[in-house]
Amino acid sequence: MTAQPDVPTKERDLIARCVAEAYETLDLIPGVDPNGPALVWLAEQYRQLRTATSDG
């Protein structure tokens, strides 16, 4: 895997943490595939919440 030099390490860590949390959350819901569009959407929601709380 190649690192993306334009994405700061802190932001990459935040995104990875949000994706992991989204996957774990979706995996708990019966009948929901924790991969794909739902994972991306939920991870983005978590990222926005984390960014908003750290800025405020």
PDB file of N, CA and C in Angstrom:
ATOM      1  N   MET A   1       0.845  -1.178   0.000  1.00  0.00           N
ATOM      2  CA  MET A   1       0.000   0.000   0.000  1.00  0.00           C
ATOM      3  C   MET A   1       0.889   1.239   0.000  1.00  0.00           C
ATOM      4  N   THR A   2       0.569   2.180  -0.851  1.00  0.00           N
ATOM      5  CA  THR A   2       1.346   3.404  -0.916  1.00  0.00           C
ATOM      6  C   THR A   2       0.675   4.487  -0.094  1.00  0.00           C
ATOM      7  N   ALA A   3       1.479   5.253   0.575  1.00  0.00           N
ATOM      8  CA  ALA A   3       0.954   6.346   1.392  1.00  0.00           C
ATOM      9  C   ALA A   3       0.634   7.532   0.494  1.00  0.00           C
ATOM     10  N   GLN A   4      -0.396   8.255   0.840  1.00  0.00           N
ATOM     11  CA  GLN A   4      -0.757   9.447   0.095  1.00  0.00           C
ATOM     12  C   GLN A   4      -0.120  10.641   0.789  1.00  0.00           C
ATOM     13  N   PRO A   5       0.882  11.257   0.161  1.00  0.00           N
ATOM     14  CA  PRO A   5       1.613  12.338   0.822  1.00  0.00           C
ATOM     15  C   PRO A   5       0.788  13.590   1.087  1.00  0.00           C
ATOM     16  N   ASP A   6      -0.322  13.784   0.357  1.00  0.00           N
ATOM     17  CA  ASP A   6      -1.109  14.996   0.544  1.00  0.00           C
ATOM     18  C   ASP A   6      -2.121  14.876   1.694  1.00  0.00           C
ATOM     19  N   VAL A   7      -2.254  13.689   2.276  1.00  0.00           N
ATOM     20  CA  VAL A   7      -3.167  13.500   3.398  1.00  0.00           C
ATOM     21  C   VAL A   7      -2.347  13.392   4.682  1.00  0.00           C
ATOM     22  N   PRO A   8      -2.527  14.332   5.592  1.00  0.00           N
ATOM     23  CA  PRO A   8      -1.769  14.281   6.845  1.00  0.00           C
ATOM     24  C   PRO A   8      -2.050  13.000   7.631  1.00  0.00           C
ATOM     25  N   THR A   9      -1.062  12.556   8.373  1.00  0.00           N
ATOM     26  CA  THR A   9      -1.173  11.335   9.155  1.00  0.00           C
ATOM     27  C   THR A   9      -2.344  11.391  10.125  1.00  0.00           C
ATOM     28  N   LYS A  10      -2.557  12.524  10.743  1.00  0.00           N
ATOM     29  CA  LYS A  10      -3.645  12.666  11.703  1.00  0.00           C
ATOM     30  C   LYS A  10      -5.004  12.447  11.029  1.00  0.00           C
ATOM     31  N   GLU A  11      -5.179  12.991   9.833  1.00  0.00           N
ATOM     32  CA  GLU A  11      -6.432  12.828   9.098  1.00  0.00           C
ATOM     33  C   GLU A  11      -6.618  11.379   8.655  1.00  0.00           C
ATOM     34  N   ARG A  12      -5.535  10.743   8.218  1.00  0.00           N
ATOM     35  CA  ARG A  12      -5.607   9.323   7.829  1.00  0.00           C
ATOM     36  C   ARG A  12      -6.017   8.461   9.003  1.00  0.00           C
ATOM     37  N   ASP A  13      -5.444   8.729  10.173  1.00  0.00           N
ATOM     38  CA  ASP A  13      -5.797   7.967  11.378  1.00  0.00           C
ATOM     39  C   ASP A  13      -7.263   8.166  11.739  1.00  0.00           C
ATOM     40  N   LEU A  14      -7.753   9.389  11.618  1.00  0.00           N
ATOM     41  CA  LEU A  14      -9.152   9.685  11.904  1.00  0.00           C
ATOM     42  C   LEU A  14     -10.063   8.905  10.959  1.00  0.00           C
ATOM     43  N   ILE A  15      -9.740   8.901   9.678  1.00  0.00           N
ATOM     44  CA  ILE A  15     -10.550   8.193   8.690  1.00  0.00           C
ATOM     45  C   ILE A  15     -10.540   6.696   8.967  1.00  0.00           C
ATOM     46  N   ALA A  16      -9.381   6.147   9.259  1.00  0.00           N
ATOM     47  CA  ALA A  16      -9.278   4.710   9.553  1.00  0.00           C
ATOM     48  C   ALA A  16     -10.106   4.345  10.785  1.00  0.00           C
ATOM     49  N   ARG A  17     -10.060   5.181  11.807  1.00  0.00           N
ATOM     50  CA  ARG A  17     -10.832   4.933  13.034  1.00  0.00           C
ATOM     51  C   ARG A  17     -12.333   4.991  12.740  1.00  0.00           C
ATOM     52  N   CYS A  18     -12.746   5.951  11.922  1.00  0.00           N
ATOM     53  CA  CYS A  18     -14.166   6.091  11.586  1.00  0.00           C
ATOM     54  C   CYS A  18     -14.659   4.912  10.755  1.00  0.00           C
ATOM     55  N   VAL A  19     -13.845   4.449   9.824  1.00  0.00           N
ATOM     56  CA  VAL A  19     -14.226   3.293   9.015  1.00  0.00           C
ATOM     57  C   VAL A  19     -14.352   2.056   9.900  1.00  0.00           C
ATOM     58  N   ALA A  20     -13.417   1.869  10.815  1.00  0.00           N
ATOM     59  CA  ALA A  20     -13.468   0.712  11.717  1.00  0.00           C
ATOM     60  C   ALA A  20     -14.723   0.755  12.592  1.00  0.00           C
ATOM     61  N   GLU A  21     -15.038   1.921  13.132  1.00  0.00           N
ATOM     62  CA  GLU A  21     -16.233   2.053  13.974  1.00  0.00           C
ATOM     63  C   GLU A  21     -17.503   1.819  13.166  1.00  0.00           C
ATOM     64  N   ALA A  22     -17.536   2.327  11.939  1.00  0.00           N
ATOM     65  CA  ALA A  22     -18.705   2.138  11.084  1.00  0.00           C
ATOM     66  C   ALA A  22     -18.884   0.660  10.757  1.00  0.00           C
ATOM     67  N   TYR A  23     -17.796  -0.029  10.452  1.00  0.00           N
ATOM     68  CA  TYR A  23     -17.867  -1.449  10.144  1.00  0.00           C
ATOM     69  C   TYR A  23     -18.403  -2.239  11.334  1.00  0.00           C
ATOM     70  N   GLU A  24     -17.869  -1.958  12.516  1.00  0.00           N
ATOM     71  CA  GLU A  24     -18.309  -2.664  13.713  1.00  0.00           C
ATOM     72  C   GLU A  24     -19.788  -2.404  13.999  1.00  0.00           C
ATOM     73  N   THR A  25     -20.231  -1.193  13.804  1.00  0.00           N
ATOM     74  CA  THR A  25     -21.629  -0.843  14.038  1.00  0.00           C
ATOM     75  C   THR A  25     -22.542  -1.570  13.060  1.00  0.00           C
ATOM     76  N   LEU A  26     -22.193  -1.530  11.768  1.00  0.00           N
ATOM     77  CA  LEU A  26     -23.029  -2.170  10.757  1.00  0.00           C
ATOM     78  C   LEU A  26     -23.030  -3.687  10.897  1.00  0.00           C
ATOM     79  N   ASP A  27     -21.935  -4.243  11.370  1.00  0.00           N
ATOM     80  CA  ASP A  27     -21.838  -5.691  11.537  1.00  0.00           C
ATOM     81  C   ASP A  27     -22.786  -6.193  12.623  1.00  0.00           C
ATOM     82  N   LEU A  28     -23.180  -5.331  13.539  1.00  0.00           N
ATOM     83  CA  LEU A  28     -24.089  -5.708  14.617  1.00  0.00           C
ATOM     84  C   LEU A  28     -25.550  -5.768  14.175  1.00  0.00           C
ATOM     85  N   ILE A  29     -25.872  -5.129  13.059  1.00  0.00           N
ATOM     86  CA  ILE A  29     -27.253  -5.064  12.590  1.00  0.00           C
ATOM     87  C   ILE A  29     -27.544  -6.285  11.720  1.00  0.00           C
ATOM     88  N   PRO A  30     -28.501  -7.117  12.138  1.00  0.00           N
ATOM     89  CA  PRO A  30     -28.819  -8.311  11.348  1.00  0.00           C
ATOM     90  C   PRO A  30     -29.302  -7.958   9.938  1.00  0.00           C
ATOM     91  N   GLY A  31     -28.803  -8.691   8.952  1.00  0.00           N
ATOM     92  CA  GLY A  31     -29.228  -8.498   7.566  1.00  0.00           C
ATOM     93  C   GLY A  31     -28.549  -7.361   6.843  1.00  0.00           C
ATOM     94  N   VAL A  32     -27.639  -6.659   7.494  1.00  0.00           N
ATOM     95  CA  VAL A  32     -26.946  -5.539   6.857  1.00  0.00           C
ATOM     96  C   VAL A  32     -25.527  -5.971   6.511  1.00  0.00           C
ATOM     97  N   ASP A  33     -25.153  -5.764   5.240  1.00  0.00           N
ATOM     98  CA  ASP A  33     -23.790  -6.052   4.801  1.00  0.00           C
ATOM     99  C   ASP A  33     -22.915  -4.883   5.239  1.00  0.00           C
ATOM    100  N   PRO A  34     -21.904  -5.128   6.077  1.00  0.00           N
ATOM    101  CA  PRO A  34     -21.085  -4.023   6.591  1.00  0.00           C
ATOM    102  C   PRO A  34     -20.092  -3.464   5.581  1.00  0.00           C
ATOM    103  N   ASN A  35     -20.160  -3.898   4.342  1.00  0.00           N
ATOM    104  CA  ASN A  35     -19.274  -3.378   3.291  1.00  0.00           C
ATOM    105  C   ASN A  35     -20.080  -2.559   2.296  1.00  0.00           C
ATOM    106  N   GLY A  36     -19.408  -1.717   1.566  1.00  0.00           N
ATOM    107  CA  GLY A  36     -20.061  -0.990   0.482  1.00  0.00           C
ATOM    108  C   GLY A  36     -20.558   0.384   0.869  1.00  0.00           C
ATOM    109  N   PRO A  37     -21.624   0.838   0.187  1.00  0.00           N
ATOM    110  CA  PRO A  37     -22.111   2.206   0.352  1.00  0.00           C
ATOM    111  C   PRO A  37     -22.516   2.561   1.787  1.00  0.00           C
ATOM    112  N   ALA A  38     -23.103   1.614   2.499  1.00  0.00           N
ATOM    113  CA  ALA A  38     -23.507   1.910   3.878  1.00  0.00           C
ATOM    114  C   ALA A  38     -22.291   2.190   4.752  1.00  0.00           C
ATOM    115  N   LEU A  39     -21.222   1.445   4.532  1.00  0.00           N
ATOM    116  CA  LEU A  39     -19.985   1.658   5.292  1.00  0.00           C
ATOM    117  C   LEU A  39     -19.402   3.034   5.007  1.00  0.00           C
ATOM    118  N   VAL A  40     -19.357   3.394   3.746  1.00  0.00           N
ATOM    119  CA  VAL A  40     -18.810   4.696   3.362  1.00  0.00           C
ATOM    120  C   VAL A  40     -19.650   5.820   3.948  1.00  0.00           C
ATOM    121  N   TRP A  41     -20.975   5.694   3.848  1.00  0.00           N
ATOM    122  CA  TRP A  41     -21.859   6.735   4.361  1.00  0.00           C
ATOM    123  C   TRP A  41     -21.703   6.903   5.875  1.00  0.00           C
ATOM    124  N   LEU A  42     -21.733   5.788   6.614  1.00  0.00           N
ATOM    125  CA  LEU A  42     -21.644   5.879   8.074  1.00  0.00           C
ATOM    126  C   LEU A  42     -20.274   6.378   8.524  1.00  0.00           C
ATOM    127  N   ALA A  43     -19.227   5.930   7.857  1.00  0.00           N
ATOM    128  CA  ALA A  43     -17.882   6.405   8.199  1.00  0.00           C
ATOM    129  C   ALA A  43     -17.774   7.919   7.987  1.00  0.00           C
ATOM    130  N   GLU A  44     -18.387   8.417   6.927  1.00  0.00           N
ATOM    131  CA  GLU A  44     -18.376   9.863   6.673  1.00  0.00           C
ATOM    132  C   GLU A  44     -19.147  10.610   7.758  1.00  0.00           C
ATOM    133  N   GLN A  45     -20.251  10.050   8.221  1.00  0.00           N
ATOM    134  CA  GLN A  45     -21.016  10.679   9.300  1.00  0.00           C
ATOM    135  C   GLN A  45     -20.173  10.752  10.573  1.00  0.00           C
ATOM    136  N   TYR A  46     -19.489   9.652  10.896  1.00  0.00           N
ATOM    137  CA  TYR A  46     -18.613   9.641  12.074  1.00  0.00           C
ATOM    138  C   TYR A  46     -17.480  10.661  11.919  1.00  0.00           C
ATOM    139  N   ARG A  47     -16.923  10.756  10.710  1.00  0.00           N
ATOM    140  CA  ARG A  47     -15.822  11.708  10.485  1.00  0.00           C
ATOM    141  C   ARG A  47     -16.310  13.138  10.680  1.00  0.00           C
ATOM    142  N   GLN A  48     -17.481  13.439  10.168  1.00  0.00           N
ATOM    143  CA  GLN A  48     -18.025  14.786  10.337  1.00  0.00           C
ATOM    144  C   GLN A  48     -18.283  15.105  11.809  1.00  0.00           C
ATOM    145  N   LEU A  49     -18.809  14.131  12.539  1.00  0.00           N
ATOM    146  CA  LEU A  49     -19.044  14.342  13.969  1.00  0.00           C
ATOM    147  C   LEU A  49     -17.734  14.564  14.717  1.00  0.00           C
ATOM    148  N   ARG A  50     -16.737  13.750  14.422  1.00  0.00           N
ATOM    149  CA  ARG A  50     -15.432  13.896  15.097  1.00  0.00           C
ATOM    150  C   ARG A  50     -14.786  15.239  14.769  1.00  0.00           C
ATOM    151  N   THR A  51     -14.881  15.636  13.499  1.00  0.00           N
ATOM    152  CA  THR A  51     -14.280  16.900  13.084  1.00  0.00           C
ATOM    153  C   THR A  51     -15.003  18.072  13.745  1.00  0.00           C
ATOM    154  N   ALA A  52     -16.325  18.003  13.813  1.00  0.00           N
ATOM    155  CA  ALA A  52     -17.112  19.078  14.416  1.00  0.00           C
ATOM    156  C   ALA A  52     -16.829  19.203  15.919  1.00  0.00           C
ATOM    157  N   THR A  53     -16.695  18.072  16.604  1.00  0.00           N
ATOM    158  CA  THR A  53     -16.460  18.129  18.047  1.00  0.00           C
ATOM    159  C   THR A  53     -15.037  18.551  18.367  1.00  0.00           C
ATOM    160  N   SER A  54     -14.079  18.237  17.505  1.00  0.00           N
ATOM    161  CA  SER A  54     -12.700  18.638  17.778  1.00  0.00           C
ATOM    162  C   SER A  54     -12.464  20.109  17.432  1.00  0.00           C
ATOM    163  N   ASP A  55     -13.273  20.666  16.503  1.00  0.00           N
ATOM    164  CA  ASP A  55     -13.137  22.072  16.126  1.00  0.00           C
ATOM    165  C   ASP A  55     -13.794  22.991  17.137  1.00  0.00           C
ATOM    166  N   GLY A  56     -14.852  22.500  17.771  1.00  0.00           N
ATOM    167  CA  GLY A  56     -15.644  23.350  18.654  1.00  0.00           C
ATOM    168  C   GLY A  56     -15.091  23.337  19.997  1.00  0.00           C
TER     169      GLY A  56
END
